[in-house]
């Protein structure tokens, strides 16, 4: 049996991989918004060490997955995906209120421009969607393994 923490860890890692691909695309193609790895590198006062920013990005994503695994049963809404989006957008709001100003991007990334604000909201919503989806699939798979002859419910 996989604990909620382990399910959250796996879901957080999967969501981080998806968002990292999107972040990499943003950085490679047009770089029209400040990326999360860049922001994190600035927060720790190492703006030239992008690899450190990527490491912190992965660490934050996996850590958020663990917290989601713990909180998921208590979150409002009906589906794991909507719980994931709610959780991730809430994390975005906290980040926009506290971390963005520390990084010099201003409250809600206003110094970095509207594109960065929009990018952060969309990337967090995608993170939450993937997080909730993977977590929900792991929960359903575990229930099906424990009760193989009961009909599945959605």
N, C-alpha and C. Protein backbone atom coordinates (compact mmCIF):
# COMPACT_ATOMS: atom_id res chain seq x y z
N UNK A 1 0.85 -1.18 0.00
CA UNK A 1 0.00 0.00 0.00
C UNK A 1 0.89 1.25 0.00
N UNK A 2 0.59 2.16 -0.88
CA UNK A 2 1.37 3.38 -1.01
C UNK A 2 0.71 4.48 -0.15
N UNK A 3 1.49 5.12 0.68
CA UNK A 3 0.95 6.18 1.54
C UNK A 3 0.58 7.40 0.72
N UNK A 4 -0.21 8.28 1.32
CA UNK A 4 -0.57 9.54 0.65
C UNK A 4 0.67 10.36 0.35
N UNK A 5 1.65 10.32 1.26
CA UNK A 5 2.88 11.08 1.05
C UNK A 5 3.61 10.55 -0.18
N UNK A 6 3.71 9.24 -0.30
CA UNK A 6 4.40 8.66 -1.47
C UNK A 6 3.65 8.93 -2.76
N UNK A 7 2.33 8.86 -2.70
CA UNK A 7 1.53 9.20 -3.89
C UNK A 7 1.76 10.67 -4.26
N UNK A 8 1.77 11.54 -3.26
CA UNK A 8 2.02 12.95 -3.51
C UNK A 8 3.40 13.20 -4.07
N UNK A 9 4.38 12.47 -3.56
CA UNK A 9 5.76 12.57 -4.06
C UNK A 9 5.82 12.20 -5.54
N UNK A 10 5.19 11.08 -5.89
CA UNK A 10 5.19 10.63 -7.29
C UNK A 10 4.43 11.62 -8.17
N UNK A 11 3.28 12.09 -7.69
CA UNK A 11 2.48 13.03 -8.47
C UNK A 11 3.20 14.37 -8.61
N UNK A 12 3.86 14.82 -7.54
CA UNK A 12 4.62 16.06 -7.59
C UNK A 12 5.77 15.97 -8.58
N UNK A 13 6.44 14.82 -8.61
CA UNK A 13 7.53 14.64 -9.56
C UNK A 13 7.00 14.67 -11.00
N UNK A 14 5.90 13.95 -11.26
CA UNK A 14 5.33 13.93 -12.61
C UNK A 14 4.90 15.33 -13.04
N UNK A 15 4.25 16.06 -12.15
CA UNK A 15 3.80 17.42 -12.48
C UNK A 15 4.99 18.34 -12.72
N UNK A 16 6.05 18.15 -11.95
CA UNK A 16 7.25 18.97 -12.12
C UNK A 16 7.92 18.69 -13.46
N UNK A 17 7.93 17.45 -13.88
CA UNK A 17 8.51 17.11 -15.19
C UNK A 17 7.73 17.81 -16.30
N UNK A 18 6.41 17.75 -16.23
CA UNK A 18 5.59 18.39 -17.26
C UNK A 18 5.84 19.90 -17.29
N UNK A 19 5.81 20.53 -16.13
CA UNK A 19 6.01 21.99 -16.08
C UNK A 19 7.45 22.35 -16.47
N UNK A 20 8.40 21.50 -16.14
CA UNK A 20 9.80 21.76 -16.53
C UNK A 20 9.96 21.75 -18.04
N UNK A 21 9.26 20.87 -18.71
CA UNK A 21 9.29 20.83 -20.18
C UNK A 21 8.73 22.14 -20.73
N UNK A 22 7.63 22.59 -20.16
CA UNK A 22 7.02 23.84 -20.60
C UNK A 22 7.95 25.03 -20.30
N UNK A 23 8.55 25.02 -19.12
CA UNK A 23 9.50 26.09 -18.75
C UNK A 23 10.70 26.09 -19.70
N UNK A 24 11.21 24.91 -20.01
CA UNK A 24 12.34 24.81 -20.94
C UNK A 24 11.98 25.36 -22.31
N UNK A 25 10.77 25.06 -22.75
CA UNK A 25 10.29 25.58 -24.03
C UNK A 25 10.23 27.11 -23.98
N UNK A 26 9.69 27.66 -22.91
CA UNK A 26 9.63 29.12 -22.74
C UNK A 26 11.02 29.73 -22.81
N UNK A 27 11.97 29.11 -22.14
CA UNK A 27 13.32 29.67 -22.10
C UNK A 27 14.04 29.53 -23.44
N UNK A 28 13.76 28.44 -24.18
CA UNK A 28 14.47 28.20 -25.43
C UNK A 28 13.89 28.95 -26.61
N UNK A 29 12.58 29.08 -26.65
CA UNK A 29 11.93 29.61 -27.85
C UNK A 29 11.81 31.12 -27.85
N UNK A 30 11.36 31.70 -26.78
CA UNK A 30 11.13 33.13 -26.85
C UNK A 30 11.42 33.86 -25.57
N UNK A 31 11.39 33.12 -24.52
CA UNK A 31 11.66 33.69 -23.21
C UNK A 31 10.85 34.97 -23.00
N UNK A 32 9.56 34.84 -23.18
CA UNK A 32 8.67 36.00 -23.04
C UNK A 32 8.22 36.24 -21.61
N UNK A 33 8.59 35.34 -20.70
CA UNK A 33 8.23 35.49 -19.29
C UNK A 33 9.38 34.96 -18.44
N UNK A 34 9.51 35.50 -17.23
CA UNK A 34 10.53 35.01 -16.30
C UNK A 34 10.14 33.59 -15.90
N UNK A 35 11.09 32.67 -15.99
CA UNK A 35 10.79 31.28 -15.66
C UNK A 35 10.97 31.05 -14.15
N UNK A 36 10.33 30.00 -13.68
CA UNK A 36 10.42 29.66 -12.26
C UNK A 36 11.87 29.35 -11.85
N UNK A 37 12.64 28.59 -12.63
CA UNK A 37 14.04 28.36 -12.23
C UNK A 37 14.85 29.66 -12.12
N UNK A 38 14.61 30.61 -13.03
CA UNK A 38 15.30 31.89 -12.95
C UNK A 38 14.90 32.64 -11.68
N UNK A 39 13.61 32.65 -11.40
CA UNK A 39 13.11 33.33 -10.21
C UNK A 39 13.72 32.74 -8.95
N UNK A 40 13.78 31.42 -8.87
CA UNK A 40 14.33 30.77 -7.68
C UNK A 40 15.83 31.04 -7.54
N UNK A 41 16.55 31.09 -8.65
CA UNK A 41 17.98 31.41 -8.58
C UNK A 41 18.18 32.83 -8.04
N UNK A 42 17.32 33.75 -8.43
CA UNK A 42 17.41 35.12 -7.92
C UNK A 42 17.05 35.17 -6.44
N UNK A 43 16.05 34.41 -6.02
CA UNK A 43 15.63 34.40 -4.62
C UNK A 43 16.79 34.00 -3.71
N UNK A 44 17.60 33.03 -4.14
CA UNK A 44 18.74 32.60 -3.31
C UNK A 44 20.00 33.38 -3.64
N UNK A 45 19.83 34.51 -4.33
CA UNK A 45 20.91 35.43 -4.66
C UNK A 45 22.03 34.79 -5.47
N UNK A 46 21.64 33.93 -6.38
CA UNK A 46 22.58 33.29 -7.31
C UNK A 46 22.01 33.38 -8.73
N UNK A 47 21.77 34.59 -9.25
CA UNK A 47 21.08 34.71 -10.54
C UNK A 47 21.83 34.10 -11.72
N UNK A 48 23.13 33.92 -11.59
CA UNK A 48 23.91 33.35 -12.69
C UNK A 48 23.99 31.82 -12.62
N UNK A 49 23.45 31.22 -11.58
CA UNK A 49 23.51 29.77 -11.42
C UNK A 49 22.14 29.16 -11.71
N UNK A 50 21.83 29.09 -13.00
CA UNK A 50 20.53 28.58 -13.43
C UNK A 50 20.34 27.12 -13.03
N UNK A 51 21.41 26.34 -12.99
CA UNK A 51 21.29 24.93 -12.57
C UNK A 51 20.76 24.85 -11.13
N UNK A 52 21.18 25.76 -10.29
CA UNK A 52 20.65 25.81 -8.93
C UNK A 52 19.17 26.14 -8.94
N UNK A 53 18.77 27.05 -9.80
CA UNK A 53 17.35 27.38 -9.95
C UNK A 53 16.53 26.18 -10.39
N UNK A 54 17.07 25.39 -11.33
CA UNK A 54 16.37 24.18 -11.77
C UNK A 54 16.27 23.16 -10.63
N UNK A 55 17.34 23.01 -9.88
CA UNK A 55 17.32 22.08 -8.74
C UNK A 55 16.25 22.51 -7.74
N UNK A 56 16.20 23.79 -7.41
CA UNK A 56 15.21 24.29 -6.47
C UNK A 56 13.79 24.16 -7.02
N UNK A 57 13.65 24.32 -8.33
CA UNK A 57 12.36 24.15 -9.00
C UNK A 57 11.85 22.72 -8.81
N UNK A 58 12.72 21.75 -9.05
CA UNK A 58 12.34 20.34 -8.88
C UNK A 58 12.05 20.05 -7.41
N UNK A 59 12.90 20.55 -6.53
CA UNK A 59 12.70 20.35 -5.10
C UNK A 59 11.36 20.94 -4.64
N UNK A 60 11.03 22.13 -5.11
CA UNK A 60 9.76 22.77 -4.75
C UNK A 60 8.57 21.98 -5.29
N UNK A 61 8.67 21.52 -6.52
CA UNK A 61 7.58 20.75 -7.12
C UNK A 61 7.31 19.45 -6.39
N UNK A 62 8.38 18.74 -6.06
CA UNK A 62 8.22 17.47 -5.34
C UNK A 62 7.72 17.75 -3.92
N UNK A 63 8.23 18.80 -3.30
CA UNK A 63 7.77 19.17 -1.96
C UNK A 63 6.30 19.54 -1.96
N UNK A 64 5.87 20.29 -2.96
CA UNK A 64 4.45 20.63 -3.06
C UNK A 64 3.61 19.37 -3.27
N UNK A 65 4.15 18.42 -4.00
CA UNK A 65 3.44 17.15 -4.19
C UNK A 65 3.21 16.43 -2.87
N UNK A 66 4.23 16.41 -2.02
CA UNK A 66 4.10 15.78 -0.70
C UNK A 66 3.03 16.48 0.12
N UNK A 67 3.07 17.81 0.14
CA UNK A 67 2.06 18.57 0.89
C UNK A 67 0.67 18.31 0.33
N UNK A 68 0.57 18.23 -0.99
CA UNK A 68 -0.72 17.92 -1.61
C UNK A 68 -1.22 16.55 -1.18
N UNK A 69 -0.33 15.57 -1.15
CA UNK A 69 -0.73 14.23 -0.72
C UNK A 69 -1.31 14.22 0.68
N UNK A 70 -0.75 15.04 1.54
CA UNK A 70 -1.24 15.13 2.91
C UNK A 70 -2.58 15.85 2.97
N UNK A 71 -2.72 16.94 2.20
CA UNK A 71 -3.92 17.77 2.28
C UNK A 71 -5.06 17.35 1.37
N UNK A 72 -4.80 16.56 0.36
CA UNK A 72 -5.80 16.25 -0.67
C UNK A 72 -7.16 15.83 -0.11
N UNK A 73 -7.22 14.90 0.84
CA UNK A 73 -8.55 14.50 1.34
C UNK A 73 -9.32 15.64 2.01
N UNK A 74 -8.63 16.65 2.47
CA UNK A 74 -9.27 17.76 3.18
C UNK A 74 -9.64 18.93 2.27
N UNK A 75 -9.16 18.92 1.04
CA UNK A 75 -9.43 20.04 0.14
C UNK A 75 -10.85 19.98 -0.40
N UNK A 76 -11.48 21.14 -0.57
CA UNK A 76 -12.83 21.14 -1.16
C UNK A 76 -12.76 20.80 -2.65
N UNK A 77 -13.84 20.60 -3.25
CA UNK A 77 -14.08 20.19 -4.64
C UNK A 77 -14.19 18.67 -4.71
N UNK A 78 -14.63 18.19 -5.86
CA UNK A 78 -14.97 16.77 -5.98
C UNK A 78 -13.90 15.91 -6.64
N UNK A 79 -13.15 16.47 -7.58
CA UNK A 79 -12.21 15.64 -8.33
C UNK A 79 -10.78 15.92 -7.90
N UNK A 80 -9.90 14.93 -8.06
CA UNK A 80 -8.48 15.17 -7.74
C UNK A 80 -7.88 16.27 -8.59
N UNK A 81 -8.31 16.38 -9.84
CA UNK A 81 -7.77 17.41 -10.72
C UNK A 81 -8.13 18.82 -10.22
N UNK A 82 -9.40 19.00 -9.83
CA UNK A 82 -9.80 20.33 -9.33
C UNK A 82 -9.14 20.62 -7.98
N UNK A 83 -8.92 19.59 -7.18
CA UNK A 83 -8.18 19.77 -5.92
C UNK A 83 -6.74 20.20 -6.22
N UNK A 84 -6.14 19.57 -7.23
CA UNK A 84 -4.77 19.91 -7.61
C UNK A 84 -4.65 21.34 -8.11
N UNK A 85 -5.61 21.76 -8.94
CA UNK A 85 -5.59 23.12 -9.46
C UNK A 85 -5.78 24.12 -8.31
N UNK A 86 -6.73 23.86 -7.44
CA UNK A 86 -6.96 24.73 -6.29
C UNK A 86 -5.70 24.84 -5.44
N UNK A 87 -5.07 23.72 -5.17
CA UNK A 87 -3.86 23.68 -4.36
C UNK A 87 -2.73 24.47 -5.02
N UNK A 88 -2.50 24.22 -6.31
CA UNK A 88 -1.39 24.86 -7.01
C UNK A 88 -1.61 26.36 -7.19
N UNK A 89 -2.83 26.77 -7.48
CA UNK A 89 -3.10 28.20 -7.62
C UNK A 89 -2.99 28.89 -6.26
N UNK A 90 -3.37 28.19 -5.19
CA UNK A 90 -3.16 28.73 -3.84
C UNK A 90 -1.66 28.90 -3.56
N UNK A 91 -0.87 27.92 -3.97
CA UNK A 91 0.58 28.03 -3.81
C UNK A 91 1.12 29.21 -4.62
N UNK A 92 0.56 29.42 -5.82
CA UNK A 92 0.96 30.57 -6.64
C UNK A 92 0.67 31.87 -5.90
N UNK A 93 -0.51 31.98 -5.32
CA UNK A 93 -0.88 33.22 -4.62
C UNK A 93 0.09 33.49 -3.48
N UNK A 94 0.42 32.46 -2.71
CA UNK A 94 1.40 32.65 -1.63
C UNK A 94 2.75 33.07 -2.18
N UNK A 95 3.16 32.44 -3.28
CA UNK A 95 4.44 32.79 -3.90
C UNK A 95 4.41 34.23 -4.42
N UNK A 96 3.30 34.62 -5.03
CA UNK A 96 3.19 35.97 -5.59
C UNK A 96 3.17 37.04 -4.50
N UNK A 97 2.70 36.68 -3.33
CA UNK A 97 2.65 37.62 -2.21
C UNK A 97 3.97 37.71 -1.45
N UNK A 98 4.71 36.61 -1.38
CA UNK A 98 5.90 36.58 -0.53
C UNK A 98 7.21 36.38 -1.28
N UNK A 99 7.27 35.43 -2.20
CA UNK A 99 8.55 35.11 -2.85
C UNK A 99 8.85 36.09 -3.99
N UNK A 100 7.86 36.43 -4.79
CA UNK A 100 8.10 37.36 -5.90
C UNK A 100 8.67 38.70 -5.43
N UNK A 101 8.15 39.30 -4.36
CA UNK A 101 8.77 40.55 -3.89
C UNK A 101 10.21 40.36 -3.42
N UNK A 102 10.50 39.23 -2.79
CA UNK A 102 11.87 38.96 -2.34
C UNK A 102 12.81 38.88 -3.55
N UNK A 103 12.31 38.31 -4.63
CA UNK A 103 13.12 38.17 -5.84
C UNK A 103 13.24 39.47 -6.63
N UNK A 104 12.51 40.50 -6.20
CA UNK A 104 12.57 41.77 -6.90
C UNK A 104 11.57 41.88 -8.04
N UNK A 105 10.69 40.90 -8.17
CA UNK A 105 9.70 40.93 -9.24
C UNK A 105 8.45 41.71 -8.85
N UNK A 106 8.38 42.13 -7.61
CA UNK A 106 7.23 42.90 -7.14
C UNK A 106 6.08 42.01 -6.75
N UNK A 107 5.12 42.63 -6.09
CA UNK A 107 3.92 41.92 -5.68
C UNK A 107 3.19 41.40 -6.92
N UNK A 108 2.89 40.12 -6.93
CA UNK A 108 2.24 39.46 -8.07
C UNK A 108 3.00 39.67 -9.38
N UNK A 109 4.32 39.73 -9.31
CA UNK A 109 5.21 39.79 -10.47
C UNK A 109 5.01 41.04 -11.33
N UNK A 110 4.49 42.11 -10.75
CA UNK A 110 4.17 43.30 -11.54
C UNK A 110 5.41 43.97 -12.13
N UNK A 111 6.55 43.86 -11.49
CA UNK A 111 7.78 44.44 -12.08
C UNK A 111 8.29 43.59 -13.24
N UNK A 112 7.90 42.34 -13.28
CA UNK A 112 8.35 41.45 -14.35
C UNK A 112 7.41 41.50 -15.55
N UNK A 113 6.29 42.15 -15.41
CA UNK A 113 5.36 42.30 -16.52
C UNK A 113 4.19 41.34 -16.46
N UNK A 114 3.15 41.70 -17.20
CA UNK A 114 1.93 40.90 -17.20
C UNK A 114 2.18 39.51 -17.77
N UNK A 115 3.08 39.39 -18.73
CA UNK A 115 3.38 38.08 -19.31
C UNK A 115 3.87 37.10 -18.26
N UNK A 116 4.70 37.57 -17.35
CA UNK A 116 5.20 36.70 -16.28
C UNK A 116 4.07 36.31 -15.35
N UNK A 117 3.21 37.25 -14.99
CA UNK A 117 2.06 36.93 -14.14
C UNK A 117 1.18 35.87 -14.80
N UNK A 118 0.85 36.08 -16.06
CA UNK A 118 0.02 35.12 -16.79
C UNK A 118 0.72 33.76 -16.88
N UNK A 119 2.02 33.78 -17.17
CA UNK A 119 2.80 32.55 -17.27
C UNK A 119 2.77 31.78 -15.96
N UNK A 120 2.95 32.46 -14.85
CA UNK A 120 2.98 31.79 -13.55
C UNK A 120 1.61 31.20 -13.20
N UNK A 121 0.55 31.92 -13.51
CA UNK A 121 -0.79 31.37 -13.24
C UNK A 121 -1.04 30.13 -14.08
N UNK A 122 -0.75 30.21 -15.38
CA UNK A 122 -0.99 29.07 -16.27
C UNK A 122 -0.11 27.89 -15.90
N UNK A 123 1.17 28.14 -15.64
CA UNK A 123 2.06 27.01 -15.31
C UNK A 123 1.67 26.36 -13.98
N UNK A 124 1.20 27.15 -13.03
CA UNK A 124 0.74 26.56 -11.77
C UNK A 124 -0.56 25.77 -11.97
N UNK A 125 -1.45 26.27 -12.81
CA UNK A 125 -2.69 25.53 -13.09
C UNK A 125 -2.37 24.20 -13.78
N UNK A 126 -1.43 24.21 -14.72
CA UNK A 126 -1.02 22.97 -15.38
C UNK A 126 -0.39 22.02 -14.37
N UNK A 127 0.48 22.56 -13.52
CA UNK A 127 1.09 21.75 -12.46
C UNK A 127 0.00 21.09 -11.61
N UNK A 128 -0.99 21.88 -11.20
CA UNK A 128 -2.06 21.34 -10.36
C UNK A 128 -2.91 20.30 -11.06
N UNK A 129 -3.18 20.52 -12.34
CA UNK A 129 -3.96 19.55 -13.11
C UNK A 129 -3.24 18.21 -13.19
N UNK A 130 -1.96 18.25 -13.53
CA UNK A 130 -1.18 17.02 -13.62
C UNK A 130 -1.02 16.39 -12.23
N UNK A 131 -0.75 17.20 -11.23
CA UNK A 131 -0.61 16.72 -9.86
C UNK A 131 -1.85 15.96 -9.41
N UNK A 132 -3.01 16.58 -9.57
CA UNK A 132 -4.26 15.94 -9.17
C UNK A 132 -4.57 14.70 -9.98
N UNK A 133 -4.31 14.77 -11.28
CA UNK A 133 -4.60 13.62 -12.14
C UNK A 133 -3.75 12.42 -11.77
N UNK A 134 -2.47 12.61 -11.61
CA UNK A 134 -1.58 11.49 -11.26
C UNK A 134 -1.92 10.96 -9.87
N UNK A 135 -2.15 11.85 -8.93
CA UNK A 135 -2.51 11.43 -7.57
C UNK A 135 -3.81 10.62 -7.59
N UNK A 136 -4.81 11.13 -8.31
CA UNK A 136 -6.09 10.41 -8.41
C UNK A 136 -5.94 9.05 -9.05
N UNK A 137 -5.12 8.94 -10.07
CA UNK A 137 -4.88 7.64 -10.72
C UNK A 137 -4.21 6.66 -9.76
N UNK A 138 -3.27 7.15 -8.97
CA UNK A 138 -2.61 6.28 -7.99
C UNK A 138 -3.59 5.80 -6.92
N UNK A 139 -4.48 6.67 -6.48
CA UNK A 139 -5.49 6.30 -5.49
C UNK A 139 -6.43 5.25 -6.08
N UNK A 140 -6.91 5.49 -7.31
CA UNK A 140 -7.83 4.54 -7.95
C UNK A 140 -7.16 3.19 -8.21
N UNK A 141 -5.90 3.21 -8.61
CA UNK A 141 -5.18 1.95 -8.85
C UNK A 141 -5.03 1.15 -7.56
N UNK A 142 -4.77 1.84 -6.47
CA UNK A 142 -4.61 1.15 -5.19
C UNK A 142 -5.95 0.55 -4.74
N UNK A 143 -7.03 1.29 -4.91
CA UNK A 143 -8.35 0.78 -4.54
C UNK A 143 -8.72 -0.42 -5.39
N UNK A 144 -8.41 -0.36 -6.68
CA UNK A 144 -8.72 -1.47 -7.57
C UNK A 144 -7.91 -2.71 -7.21
N UNK A 145 -6.68 -2.52 -6.77
CA UNK A 145 -5.84 -3.66 -6.38
C UNK A 145 -6.35 -4.30 -5.10
N UNK A 146 -6.90 -3.51 -4.20
CA UNK A 146 -7.41 -4.05 -2.94
C UNK A 146 -8.76 -4.72 -3.12
N UNK A 147 -9.57 -4.22 -4.03
CA UNK A 147 -10.92 -4.73 -4.24
C UNK A 147 -11.14 -5.02 -5.72
N UNK A 148 -10.50 -6.07 -6.26
CA UNK A 148 -10.53 -6.28 -7.70
C UNK A 148 -11.90 -6.67 -8.26
N UNK A 149 -12.82 -7.14 -7.43
CA UNK A 149 -14.10 -7.60 -7.96
C UNK A 149 -15.23 -6.60 -7.76
N UNK A 150 -14.94 -5.45 -7.19
CA UNK A 150 -15.95 -4.41 -7.06
C UNK A 150 -15.92 -3.52 -8.29
N UNK A 151 -17.08 -3.07 -8.75
CA UNK A 151 -17.08 -2.19 -9.93
C UNK A 151 -16.42 -0.85 -9.60
N UNK A 152 -15.72 -0.33 -10.56
CA UNK A 152 -15.03 0.96 -10.37
C UNK A 152 -16.05 2.08 -10.39
N UNK A 153 -15.84 3.08 -9.54
CA UNK A 153 -16.69 4.26 -9.52
C UNK A 153 -15.85 5.47 -9.86
N UNK A 154 -16.44 6.41 -10.54
CA UNK A 154 -15.71 7.63 -10.91
C UNK A 154 -16.12 8.77 -10.08
